[in-house]
Amino acid sequence: MTITKHMNGANLELALEGRLDTMTAPELEAELNQDIAGAETLTFDFSKLAYISSAGLRVLLSAHKAMAAKGGMKVTNVNEIVQEVFDVTGFADILTIE
């Protein structure tokens, strides 16, 4: 998985490419831990994310909880495969998806 990170003022933007699974979730978690404290809002761009597993969902839930007390978190450009995972797991009701 490739993570492209950009801090735009107080908004942390992360674009993910590839698969967010058991092997790559710790990498995303480490990237988030570096910058999430200084961010007021968090935006994930999933336009190039092909797959997400339960390990990836756990990282998203953790980030969502951390950002709930701040300006919030949103997920953008979700493809059909990832959206189906969000729908089946109930994450579509938890996350802000644009």
N, C-alpha and C. Protein backbone atom coordinates (compact mmCIF):
# COMPACT_ATOMS: atom_id res chain seq x y z
N MET A 1 0.84 -1.18 0.00
CA MET A 1 0.00 0.00 0.00
C MET A 1 0.89 1.24 0.00
N THR A 2 0.44 2.24 -0.72
CA THR A 2 1.12 3.53 -0.77
C THR A 2 0.26 4.55 -0.04
N ILE A 3 0.90 5.31 0.85
CA ILE A 3 0.21 6.36 1.59
C ILE A 3 0.82 7.70 1.19
N THR A 4 -0.03 8.59 0.69
CA THR A 4 0.40 9.95 0.37
C THR A 4 -0.23 10.86 1.40
N LYS A 5 0.62 11.57 2.13
CA LYS A 5 0.17 12.39 3.26
C LYS A 5 0.40 13.86 2.94
N HIS A 6 -0.59 14.68 3.26
CA HIS A 6 -0.48 16.12 3.03
C HIS A 6 -1.19 16.85 4.16
N MET A 7 -0.50 17.80 4.76
CA MET A 7 -1.11 18.62 5.81
C MET A 7 -1.49 19.95 5.17
N ASN A 8 -2.79 20.22 5.10
CA ASN A 8 -3.31 21.44 4.51
C ASN A 8 -3.88 22.29 5.64
N GLY A 9 -3.06 23.17 6.20
CA GLY A 9 -3.46 23.92 7.38
C GLY A 9 -3.63 22.96 8.54
N ALA A 10 -4.84 22.89 9.09
CA ALA A 10 -5.10 21.97 10.20
C ALA A 10 -5.80 20.69 9.73
N ASN A 11 -5.90 20.52 8.38
CA ASN A 11 -6.52 19.32 7.82
C ASN A 11 -5.45 18.34 7.35
N LEU A 12 -5.45 17.16 7.94
CA LEU A 12 -4.55 16.09 7.53
C LEU A 12 -5.25 15.29 6.45
N GLU A 13 -4.62 15.18 5.28
CA GLU A 13 -5.18 14.44 4.16
C GLU A 13 -4.30 13.24 3.85
N LEU A 14 -4.93 12.06 3.80
CA LEU A 14 -4.21 10.83 3.49
C LEU A 14 -4.86 10.16 2.29
N ALA A 15 -4.09 9.93 1.24
CA ALA A 15 -4.57 9.20 0.07
C ALA A 15 -3.94 7.81 0.11
N LEU A 16 -4.78 6.79 0.04
CA LEU A 16 -4.31 5.41 0.11
C LEU A 16 -4.44 4.74 -1.25
N GLU A 17 -3.42 3.96 -1.59
CA GLU A 17 -3.43 3.24 -2.86
C GLU A 17 -3.05 1.79 -2.60
N GLY A 18 -3.86 0.86 -3.10
CA GLY A 18 -3.57 -0.56 -2.92
C GLY A 18 -4.56 -1.22 -1.99
N ARG A 19 -4.03 -2.04 -1.06
CA ARG A 19 -4.86 -2.81 -0.14
C ARG A 19 -4.57 -2.41 1.30
N LEU A 20 -5.63 -2.14 2.05
CA LEU A 20 -5.51 -1.86 3.48
C LEU A 20 -5.95 -3.12 4.20
N ASP A 21 -4.97 -3.91 4.63
CA ASP A 21 -5.25 -5.22 5.23
C ASP A 21 -4.35 -5.46 6.42
N THR A 22 -4.28 -6.69 6.87
CA THR A 22 -3.50 -7.05 8.06
C THR A 22 -2.03 -6.65 7.92
N MET A 23 -1.51 -6.75 6.72
CA MET A 23 -0.09 -6.44 6.49
C MET A 23 0.18 -4.94 6.45
N THR A 24 -0.78 -4.15 5.97
CA THR A 24 -0.53 -2.72 5.77
C THR A 24 -1.18 -1.81 6.82
N ALA A 25 -2.13 -2.33 7.57
CA ALA A 25 -2.80 -1.52 8.59
C ALA A 25 -1.83 -0.92 9.62
N PRO A 26 -0.82 -1.69 10.08
CA PRO A 26 0.13 -1.08 11.02
C PRO A 26 0.90 0.11 10.43
N GLU A 27 1.15 0.07 9.14
CA GLU A 27 1.83 1.19 8.47
C GLU A 27 0.95 2.44 8.50
N LEU A 28 -0.34 2.27 8.21
CA LEU A 28 -1.27 3.41 8.26
C LEU A 28 -1.39 3.93 9.69
N GLU A 29 -1.48 3.04 10.64
CA GLU A 29 -1.58 3.44 12.03
C GLU A 29 -0.37 4.26 12.47
N ALA A 30 0.81 3.84 12.04
CA ALA A 30 2.04 4.57 12.38
C ALA A 30 2.03 5.97 11.75
N GLU A 31 1.59 6.06 10.50
CA GLU A 31 1.51 7.37 9.83
C GLU A 31 0.53 8.30 10.55
N LEU A 32 -0.62 7.75 10.94
CA LEU A 32 -1.61 8.55 11.66
C LEU A 32 -1.07 9.03 13.00
N ASN A 33 -0.40 8.17 13.71
CA ASN A 33 0.12 8.52 15.03
C ASN A 33 1.13 9.66 14.97
N GLN A 34 1.81 9.82 13.83
CA GLN A 34 2.79 10.89 13.68
C GLN A 34 2.14 12.27 13.63
N ASP A 35 0.97 12.36 13.00
CA ASP A 35 0.41 13.68 12.69
C ASP A 35 -0.99 13.96 13.23
N ILE A 36 -1.68 12.96 13.75
CA ILE A 36 -3.08 13.15 14.11
C ILE A 36 -3.27 14.15 15.26
N ALA A 37 -2.30 14.24 16.15
CA ALA A 37 -2.42 15.16 17.29
C ALA A 37 -2.48 16.62 16.83
N GLY A 38 -1.79 16.95 15.74
CA GLY A 38 -1.77 18.33 15.25
C GLY A 38 -2.88 18.65 14.27
N ALA A 39 -3.72 17.68 13.95
CA ALA A 39 -4.77 17.89 12.96
C ALA A 39 -6.10 18.20 13.63
N GLU A 40 -6.83 19.11 13.03
CA GLU A 40 -8.19 19.42 13.49
C GLU A 40 -9.22 18.58 12.73
N THR A 41 -8.92 18.30 11.47
CA THR A 41 -9.77 17.44 10.65
C THR A 41 -8.91 16.43 9.92
N LEU A 42 -9.52 15.32 9.54
CA LEU A 42 -8.82 14.24 8.86
C LEU A 42 -9.64 13.81 7.66
N THR A 43 -8.99 13.76 6.49
CA THR A 43 -9.66 13.34 5.26
C THR A 43 -8.88 12.18 4.65
N PHE A 44 -9.60 11.08 4.38
CA PHE A 44 -9.02 9.95 3.67
C PHE A 44 -9.53 9.98 2.23
N ASP A 45 -8.62 9.86 1.27
CA ASP A 45 -8.99 9.73 -0.13
C ASP A 45 -8.79 8.27 -0.52
N PHE A 46 -9.90 7.58 -0.79
CA PHE A 46 -9.85 6.15 -1.12
C PHE A 46 -10.01 5.90 -2.62
N SER A 47 -9.75 6.91 -3.47
CA SER A 47 -9.96 6.74 -4.91
C SER A 47 -9.10 5.62 -5.49
N LYS A 48 -7.98 5.30 -4.87
CA LYS A 48 -7.10 4.24 -5.38
C LYS A 48 -6.98 3.07 -4.42
N LEU A 49 -7.87 3.01 -3.43
CA LEU A 49 -7.87 1.90 -2.49
C LEU A 49 -8.70 0.76 -3.08
N ALA A 50 -8.08 -0.39 -3.24
CA ALA A 50 -8.74 -1.53 -3.90
C ALA A 50 -9.48 -2.43 -2.92
N TYR A 51 -9.03 -2.47 -1.66
CA TYR A 51 -9.58 -3.45 -0.72
C TYR A 51 -9.34 -2.96 0.70
N ILE A 52 -10.26 -3.29 1.61
CA ILE A 52 -10.07 -3.01 3.04
C ILE A 52 -10.51 -4.22 3.84
N SER A 53 -9.71 -4.61 4.82
CA SER A 53 -10.03 -5.75 5.68
C SER A 53 -10.44 -5.25 7.06
N SER A 54 -10.74 -6.18 7.94
CA SER A 54 -11.12 -5.82 9.31
C SER A 54 -9.99 -5.09 10.03
N ALA A 55 -8.75 -5.40 9.70
CA ALA A 55 -7.62 -4.69 10.31
C ALA A 55 -7.62 -3.22 9.88
N GLY A 56 -7.96 -2.97 8.63
CA GLY A 56 -8.06 -1.60 8.15
C GLY A 56 -9.23 -0.87 8.78
N LEU A 57 -10.35 -1.58 8.95
CA LEU A 57 -11.52 -0.99 9.61
C LEU A 57 -11.19 -0.58 11.04
N ARG A 58 -10.39 -1.39 11.72
CA ARG A 58 -10.00 -1.08 13.10
C ARG A 58 -9.22 0.24 13.14
N VAL A 59 -8.31 0.45 12.20
CA VAL A 59 -7.53 1.69 12.15
C VAL A 59 -8.45 2.88 11.87
N LEU A 60 -9.41 2.70 10.96
CA LEU A 60 -10.35 3.78 10.67
C LEU A 60 -11.21 4.12 11.89
N LEU A 61 -11.66 3.11 12.60
CA LEU A 61 -12.48 3.35 13.79
C LEU A 61 -11.68 4.08 14.86
N SER A 62 -10.44 3.70 15.04
CA SER A 62 -9.57 4.37 16.01
C SER A 62 -9.37 5.84 15.63
N ALA A 63 -9.12 6.09 14.35
CA ALA A 63 -8.94 7.47 13.87
C ALA A 63 -10.23 8.26 14.03
N HIS A 64 -11.35 7.62 13.73
CA HIS A 64 -12.66 8.28 13.87
C HIS A 64 -12.90 8.71 15.32
N LYS A 65 -12.58 7.83 16.26
CA LYS A 65 -12.75 8.16 17.67
C LYS A 65 -11.83 9.31 18.08
N ALA A 66 -10.59 9.30 17.61
CA ALA A 66 -9.65 10.36 17.96
C ALA A 66 -10.09 11.71 17.39
N MET A 67 -10.68 11.69 16.18
CA MET A 67 -11.06 12.94 15.54
C MET A 67 -12.46 13.42 15.94
N ALA A 68 -13.25 12.59 16.58
CA ALA A 68 -14.61 12.98 16.98
C ALA A 68 -14.60 14.15 17.95
N ALA A 69 -13.58 14.22 18.79
CA ALA A 69 -13.48 15.31 19.76
C ALA A 69 -12.94 16.59 19.12
N LYS A 70 -12.48 16.48 17.88
CA LYS A 70 -11.94 17.64 17.17
C LYS A 70 -12.91 18.03 16.07
N GLY A 71 -12.40 18.27 14.89
CA GLY A 71 -13.22 18.72 13.77
C GLY A 71 -13.85 17.60 12.96
N GLY A 72 -13.47 16.36 13.23
CA GLY A 72 -14.08 15.23 12.54
C GLY A 72 -13.21 14.61 11.47
N MET A 73 -13.76 13.57 10.87
CA MET A 73 -13.05 12.78 9.86
C MET A 73 -14.03 12.44 8.74
N LYS A 74 -13.52 12.44 7.51
CA LYS A 74 -14.36 12.02 6.40
C LYS A 74 -13.54 11.14 5.46
N VAL A 75 -14.27 10.30 4.72
CA VAL A 75 -13.68 9.40 3.74
C VAL A 75 -14.28 9.77 2.39
N THR A 76 -13.42 9.99 1.39
CA THR A 76 -13.89 10.41 0.08
C THR A 76 -13.50 9.39 -0.99
N ASN A 77 -14.21 9.45 -2.11
CA ASN A 77 -13.91 8.66 -3.31
C ASN A 77 -13.86 7.16 -3.05
N VAL A 78 -14.88 6.65 -2.39
CA VAL A 78 -14.94 5.23 -2.04
C VAL A 78 -15.49 4.44 -3.22
N ASN A 79 -14.78 3.36 -3.62
CA ASN A 79 -15.27 2.54 -4.73
C ASN A 79 -16.33 1.55 -4.24
N GLU A 80 -16.93 0.82 -5.16
CA GLU A 80 -18.03 -0.09 -4.83
C GLU A 80 -17.61 -1.21 -3.88
N ILE A 81 -16.42 -1.74 -4.05
CA ILE A 81 -15.94 -2.85 -3.22
C ILE A 81 -15.79 -2.41 -1.77
N VAL A 82 -15.13 -1.28 -1.56
CA VAL A 82 -14.93 -0.77 -0.21
C VAL A 82 -16.26 -0.31 0.38
N GLN A 83 -17.12 0.31 -0.42
CA GLN A 83 -18.43 0.75 0.06
C GLN A 83 -19.26 -0.44 0.53
N GLU A 84 -19.16 -1.55 -0.17
CA GLU A 84 -19.90 -2.75 0.24
C GLU A 84 -19.42 -3.25 1.61
N VAL A 85 -18.11 -3.20 1.84
CA VAL A 85 -17.58 -3.57 3.16
C VAL A 85 -18.12 -2.63 4.22
N PHE A 86 -18.14 -1.33 3.93
CA PHE A 86 -18.69 -0.35 4.88
C PHE A 86 -20.16 -0.63 5.15
N ASP A 87 -20.92 -0.96 4.12
CA ASP A 87 -22.35 -1.23 4.28
C ASP A 87 -22.60 -2.48 5.12
N VAL A 88 -21.89 -3.56 4.83
CA VAL A 88 -22.10 -4.83 5.51
C VAL A 88 -21.69 -4.75 6.98
N THR A 89 -20.64 -4.01 7.27
CA THR A 89 -20.12 -3.94 8.63
C THR A 89 -20.78 -2.84 9.48
N GLY A 90 -21.58 -1.99 8.85
CA GLY A 90 -22.21 -0.89 9.58
C GLY A 90 -21.36 0.36 9.63
N PHE A 91 -20.17 0.33 9.04
CA PHE A 91 -19.31 1.51 9.04
C PHE A 91 -19.91 2.65 8.21
N ALA A 92 -20.79 2.32 7.27
CA ALA A 92 -21.45 3.35 6.47
C ALA A 92 -22.31 4.25 7.36
N ASP A 93 -22.76 3.72 8.48
CA ASP A 93 -23.56 4.50 9.43
C ASP A 93 -22.70 5.29 10.40
N ILE A 94 -21.45 4.90 10.55
CA ILE A 94 -20.55 5.54 11.51
C ILE A 94 -19.72 6.65 10.86
N LEU A 95 -19.18 6.35 9.69
CA LEU A 95 -18.25 7.26 9.02
C LEU A 95 -18.99 8.29 8.17
N THR A 96 -18.35 9.43 7.96
CA THR A 96 -18.82 10.42 7.00
C THR A 96 -18.16 10.08 5.67
N ILE A 97 -18.99 9.63 4.72
CA ILE A 97 -18.47 9.20 3.42
C ILE A 97 -19.00 10.14 2.35
N GLU A 98 -18.08 10.69 1.59
CA GLU A 98 -18.46 11.63 0.51
C GLU A 98 -18.05 11.08 -0.83
